[in-house]
Amino acid sequence: MKLINIGFGNVVSAERVIAIVSPESAPIKRIVQEARDRGMLIDATYGRRTRAVIIMDSDHVVLSAILPETVAHRLDIKEDELEANYENN
């Protein structure tokens, strides 16, 4: 299982990530509010401004204080490592 750092020492499973989006649009704000109402919201911002919303395959929604591009880059690095390990075995 590969883990992605989403800030402040928090990590999520790379295999379970469906989408990494910006929190500014109305549909994403609605997704966050609905997850909060269902008890499926994980706030990993430590009180800072939410910059990325990570949607997981388990219906959990994770809030992060780092930019979506940064999270996506970290996910891309993990994908490259997986491919290199697969090719070496």
N, C-alpha and C. Protein backbone atom coordinates (compact mmCIF):
# COMPACT_ATOMS: atom_id res chain seq x y z
N MET A 1 0.85 -1.18 0.00
CA MET A 1 0.00 0.00 0.00
C MET A 1 0.89 1.23 0.00
N LYS A 2 0.64 2.14 -0.95
CA LYS A 2 1.38 3.39 -1.05
C LYS A 2 0.58 4.50 -0.39
N LEU A 3 1.26 5.32 0.38
CA LEU A 3 0.63 6.41 1.09
C LEU A 3 1.11 7.74 0.53
N ILE A 4 0.22 8.73 0.50
CA ILE A 4 0.54 10.06 0.02
C ILE A 4 0.42 11.04 1.18
N ASN A 5 1.45 11.84 1.38
CA ASN A 5 1.43 12.87 2.42
C ASN A 5 0.52 14.00 1.95
N ILE A 6 -0.49 14.33 2.77
CA ILE A 6 -1.41 15.42 2.42
C ILE A 6 -1.22 16.62 3.34
N GLY A 7 -0.11 16.64 4.06
CA GLY A 7 0.22 17.77 4.91
C GLY A 7 0.13 17.45 6.38
N PHE A 8 1.04 18.07 7.14
CA PHE A 8 1.07 17.96 8.60
C PHE A 8 1.19 16.52 9.08
N GLY A 9 1.87 15.69 8.31
CA GLY A 9 2.08 14.31 8.71
C GLY A 9 0.91 13.39 8.45
N ASN A 10 -0.13 13.89 7.80
CA ASN A 10 -1.29 13.07 7.47
C ASN A 10 -1.08 12.41 6.11
N VAL A 11 -1.54 11.18 5.99
CA VAL A 11 -1.38 10.44 4.74
C VAL A 11 -2.69 9.77 4.35
N VAL A 12 -2.86 9.55 3.04
CA VAL A 12 -3.99 8.78 2.54
C VAL A 12 -3.45 7.71 1.61
N SER A 13 -4.21 6.67 1.43
CA SER A 13 -3.83 5.57 0.55
C SER A 13 -3.95 6.01 -0.91
N ALA A 14 -2.86 5.87 -1.65
CA ALA A 14 -2.85 6.28 -3.06
C ALA A 14 -3.84 5.48 -3.89
N GLU A 15 -4.02 4.22 -3.56
CA GLU A 15 -4.91 3.37 -4.33
C GLU A 15 -6.38 3.72 -4.15
N ARG A 16 -6.71 4.44 -3.09
CA ARG A 16 -8.12 4.73 -2.79
C ARG A 16 -8.57 6.11 -3.27
N VAL A 17 -7.65 6.92 -3.79
CA VAL A 17 -7.98 8.27 -4.24
C VAL A 17 -8.70 8.22 -5.58
N ILE A 18 -9.85 8.88 -5.65
CA ILE A 18 -10.60 9.00 -6.89
C ILE A 18 -10.31 10.33 -7.55
N ALA A 19 -10.34 11.43 -6.76
CA ALA A 19 -10.16 12.76 -7.34
C ALA A 19 -9.51 13.69 -6.32
N ILE A 20 -8.75 14.66 -6.85
CA ILE A 20 -8.17 15.72 -6.04
C ILE A 20 -8.61 17.02 -6.70
N VAL A 21 -9.44 17.79 -6.01
CA VAL A 21 -10.05 18.97 -6.62
C VAL A 21 -9.90 20.20 -5.73
N SER A 22 -10.08 21.35 -6.34
CA SER A 22 -10.07 22.62 -5.63
C SER A 22 -11.42 22.81 -4.92
N PRO A 23 -11.44 23.42 -3.75
CA PRO A 23 -12.68 23.53 -2.97
C PRO A 23 -13.56 24.73 -3.33
N GLU A 24 -13.25 25.46 -4.38
CA GLU A 24 -13.89 26.75 -4.60
C GLU A 24 -15.22 26.70 -5.34
N SER A 25 -15.50 25.65 -6.10
CA SER A 25 -16.75 25.63 -6.87
C SER A 25 -17.93 25.20 -5.99
N ALA A 26 -19.10 25.62 -6.39
CA ALA A 26 -20.31 25.30 -5.63
C ALA A 26 -20.56 23.79 -5.54
N PRO A 27 -20.37 23.02 -6.62
CA PRO A 27 -20.60 21.57 -6.49
C PRO A 27 -19.65 20.91 -5.49
N ILE A 28 -18.41 21.36 -5.43
CA ILE A 28 -17.46 20.77 -4.48
C ILE A 28 -17.83 21.18 -3.06
N LYS A 29 -18.25 22.42 -2.88
CA LYS A 29 -18.71 22.86 -1.55
C LYS A 29 -19.90 22.02 -1.09
N ARG A 30 -20.76 21.68 -2.04
CA ARG A 30 -21.93 20.84 -1.73
C ARG A 30 -21.48 19.43 -1.34
N ILE A 31 -20.51 18.87 -2.06
CA ILE A 31 -19.98 17.54 -1.72
C ILE A 31 -19.38 17.55 -0.32
N VAL A 32 -18.64 18.60 0.01
CA VAL A 32 -18.03 18.70 1.35
C VAL A 32 -19.12 18.78 2.42
N GLN A 33 -20.13 19.59 2.20
CA GLN A 33 -21.21 19.73 3.19
C GLN A 33 -21.98 18.43 3.36
N GLU A 34 -22.25 17.73 2.26
CA GLU A 34 -22.96 16.46 2.35
C GLU A 34 -22.13 15.41 3.09
N ALA A 35 -20.81 15.41 2.85
CA ALA A 35 -19.93 14.48 3.58
C ALA A 35 -19.92 14.81 5.05
N ARG A 36 -19.91 16.09 5.39
CA ARG A 36 -19.94 16.51 6.79
C ARG A 36 -21.23 16.02 7.45
N ASP A 37 -22.35 16.19 6.76
CA ASP A 37 -23.65 15.76 7.29
C ASP A 37 -23.72 14.24 7.50
N ARG A 38 -23.07 13.48 6.61
CA ARG A 38 -23.06 12.01 6.71
C ARG A 38 -22.00 11.49 7.68
N GLY A 39 -21.14 12.36 8.17
CA GLY A 39 -20.06 11.93 9.04
C GLY A 39 -18.91 11.28 8.29
N MET A 40 -18.75 11.62 7.02
CA MET A 40 -17.72 11.03 6.18
C MET A 40 -16.63 12.04 5.80
N LEU A 41 -16.58 13.17 6.51
CA LEU A 41 -15.59 14.20 6.22
C LEU A 41 -14.41 14.06 7.16
N ILE A 42 -13.21 14.10 6.60
CA ILE A 42 -11.98 14.07 7.39
C ILE A 42 -11.27 15.39 7.14
N ASP A 43 -11.17 16.20 8.18
CA ASP A 43 -10.53 17.52 8.06
C ASP A 43 -9.08 17.41 8.51
N ALA A 44 -8.16 17.45 7.56
CA ALA A 44 -6.73 17.34 7.85
C ALA A 44 -6.03 18.68 7.63
N THR A 45 -6.76 19.79 7.82
CA THR A 45 -6.20 21.11 7.57
C THR A 45 -5.54 21.73 8.79
N TYR A 46 -5.79 21.19 9.97
CA TYR A 46 -5.26 21.74 11.21
C TYR A 46 -5.64 23.21 11.36
N GLY A 47 -6.86 23.55 10.97
CA GLY A 47 -7.37 24.90 11.14
C GLY A 47 -6.96 25.87 10.07
N ARG A 48 -6.20 25.43 9.12
CA ARG A 48 -5.77 26.31 8.03
C ARG A 48 -6.80 26.27 6.90
N ARG A 49 -6.61 27.13 5.94
CA ARG A 49 -7.51 27.23 4.80
C ARG A 49 -7.47 25.94 3.97
N THR A 50 -8.64 25.46 3.57
CA THR A 50 -8.73 24.26 2.73
C THR A 50 -8.33 24.62 1.31
N ARG A 51 -7.32 23.92 0.79
CA ARG A 51 -6.87 24.18 -0.57
C ARG A 51 -7.11 23.00 -1.50
N ALA A 52 -7.31 21.81 -0.93
CA ALA A 52 -7.59 20.64 -1.76
C ALA A 52 -8.64 19.77 -1.09
N VAL A 53 -9.50 19.22 -1.91
CA VAL A 53 -10.51 18.26 -1.45
C VAL A 53 -10.18 16.95 -2.15
N ILE A 54 -9.98 15.92 -1.34
CA ILE A 54 -9.61 14.60 -1.87
C ILE A 54 -10.81 13.68 -1.69
N ILE A 55 -11.28 13.14 -2.79
CA ILE A 55 -12.44 12.25 -2.75
C ILE A 55 -11.93 10.83 -2.86
N MET A 56 -12.33 10.01 -1.89
CA MET A 56 -11.86 8.63 -1.79
C MET A 56 -12.93 7.67 -2.29
N ASP A 57 -12.51 6.45 -2.63
CA ASP A 57 -13.46 5.46 -3.13
C ASP A 57 -14.38 4.91 -2.05
N SER A 58 -14.11 5.22 -0.80
CA SER A 58 -14.94 4.76 0.32
C SER A 58 -16.03 5.78 0.67
N ASP A 59 -16.21 6.80 -0.16
CA ASP A 59 -17.14 7.91 0.06
C ASP A 59 -16.65 8.91 1.10
N HIS A 60 -15.44 8.72 1.60
CA HIS A 60 -14.86 9.72 2.49
C HIS A 60 -14.39 10.91 1.67
N VAL A 61 -14.47 12.08 2.28
CA VAL A 61 -13.96 13.30 1.67
C VAL A 61 -12.93 13.86 2.63
N VAL A 62 -11.72 14.10 2.13
CA VAL A 62 -10.61 14.55 2.95
C VAL A 62 -10.24 15.97 2.56
N LEU A 63 -10.15 16.86 3.55
CA LEU A 63 -9.73 18.24 3.31
C LEU A 63 -8.26 18.38 3.62
N SER A 64 -7.53 19.06 2.75
CA SER A 64 -6.10 19.26 2.93
C SER A 64 -5.76 20.73 2.76
N ALA A 65 -4.72 21.17 3.47
CA ALA A 65 -4.29 22.57 3.40
C ALA A 65 -3.21 22.79 2.34
N ILE A 66 -2.86 21.74 1.59
CA ILE A 66 -1.88 21.93 0.52
C ILE A 66 -2.60 21.94 -0.83
N LEU A 67 -1.96 22.53 -1.81
CA LEU A 67 -2.59 22.71 -3.12
C LEU A 67 -2.87 21.38 -3.82
N PRO A 68 -3.94 21.32 -4.61
CA PRO A 68 -4.25 20.10 -5.35
C PRO A 68 -3.11 19.67 -6.27
N GLU A 69 -2.41 20.62 -6.86
CA GLU A 69 -1.29 20.30 -7.75
C GLU A 69 -0.19 19.58 -6.99
N THR A 70 0.04 20.01 -5.75
CA THR A 70 1.08 19.38 -4.92
C THR A 70 0.70 17.95 -4.58
N VAL A 71 -0.55 17.75 -4.19
CA VAL A 71 -1.02 16.40 -3.87
C VAL A 71 -0.94 15.52 -5.12
N ALA A 72 -1.38 16.06 -6.27
CA ALA A 72 -1.34 15.29 -7.51
C ALA A 72 0.10 14.95 -7.89
N HIS A 73 1.01 15.88 -7.67
CA HIS A 73 2.42 15.61 -7.97
C HIS A 73 2.95 14.48 -7.09
N ARG A 74 2.59 14.51 -5.82
CA ARG A 74 3.02 13.44 -4.91
C ARG A 74 2.41 12.11 -5.32
N LEU A 75 1.18 12.13 -5.79
CA LEU A 75 0.54 10.91 -6.28
C LEU A 75 1.24 10.42 -7.54
N ASP A 76 1.61 11.33 -8.42
CA ASP A 76 2.30 10.97 -9.66
C ASP A 76 3.66 10.36 -9.36
N ILE A 77 4.36 10.89 -8.37
CA ILE A 77 5.66 10.33 -7.98
C ILE A 77 5.46 8.89 -7.50
N LYS A 78 4.42 8.64 -6.72
CA LYS A 78 4.14 7.28 -6.23
C LYS A 78 3.83 6.36 -7.40
N GLU A 79 3.09 6.85 -8.41
CA GLU A 79 2.78 6.03 -9.58
C GLU A 79 4.06 5.65 -10.32
N ASP A 80 4.98 6.61 -10.47
CA ASP A 80 6.25 6.34 -11.14
C ASP A 80 7.05 5.29 -10.38
N GLU A 81 7.04 5.38 -9.04
CA GLU A 81 7.76 4.39 -8.22
C GLU A 81 7.14 3.01 -8.39
N LEU A 82 5.82 2.94 -8.45
CA LEU A 82 5.14 1.66 -8.63
C LEU A 82 5.52 1.04 -9.97
N GLU A 83 5.53 1.86 -11.02
CA GLU A 83 5.88 1.34 -12.33
C GLU A 83 7.32 0.84 -12.36
N ALA A 84 8.23 1.58 -11.72
CA ALA A 84 9.64 1.17 -11.69
C ALA A 84 9.79 -0.13 -10.93
N ASN A 85 9.09 -0.28 -9.81
CA ASN A 85 9.16 -1.51 -9.04
C ASN A 85 8.58 -2.68 -9.82
N TYR A 86 7.50 -2.44 -10.55
CA TYR A 86 6.87 -3.49 -11.33
C TYR A 86 7.81 -3.97 -12.45
N GLU A 87 8.47 -3.01 -13.10
CA GLU A 87 9.37 -3.36 -14.19
C GLU A 87 10.61 -4.11 -13.69
N ASN A 88 11.05 -3.81 -12.47
CA ASN A 88 12.23 -4.46 -11.90
C ASN A 88 11.95 -5.87 -11.43
N ASN A 89 10.70 -6.21 -11.16
CA ASN A 89 10.36 -7.55 -10.64
C ASN A 89 9.99 -8.49 -11.72
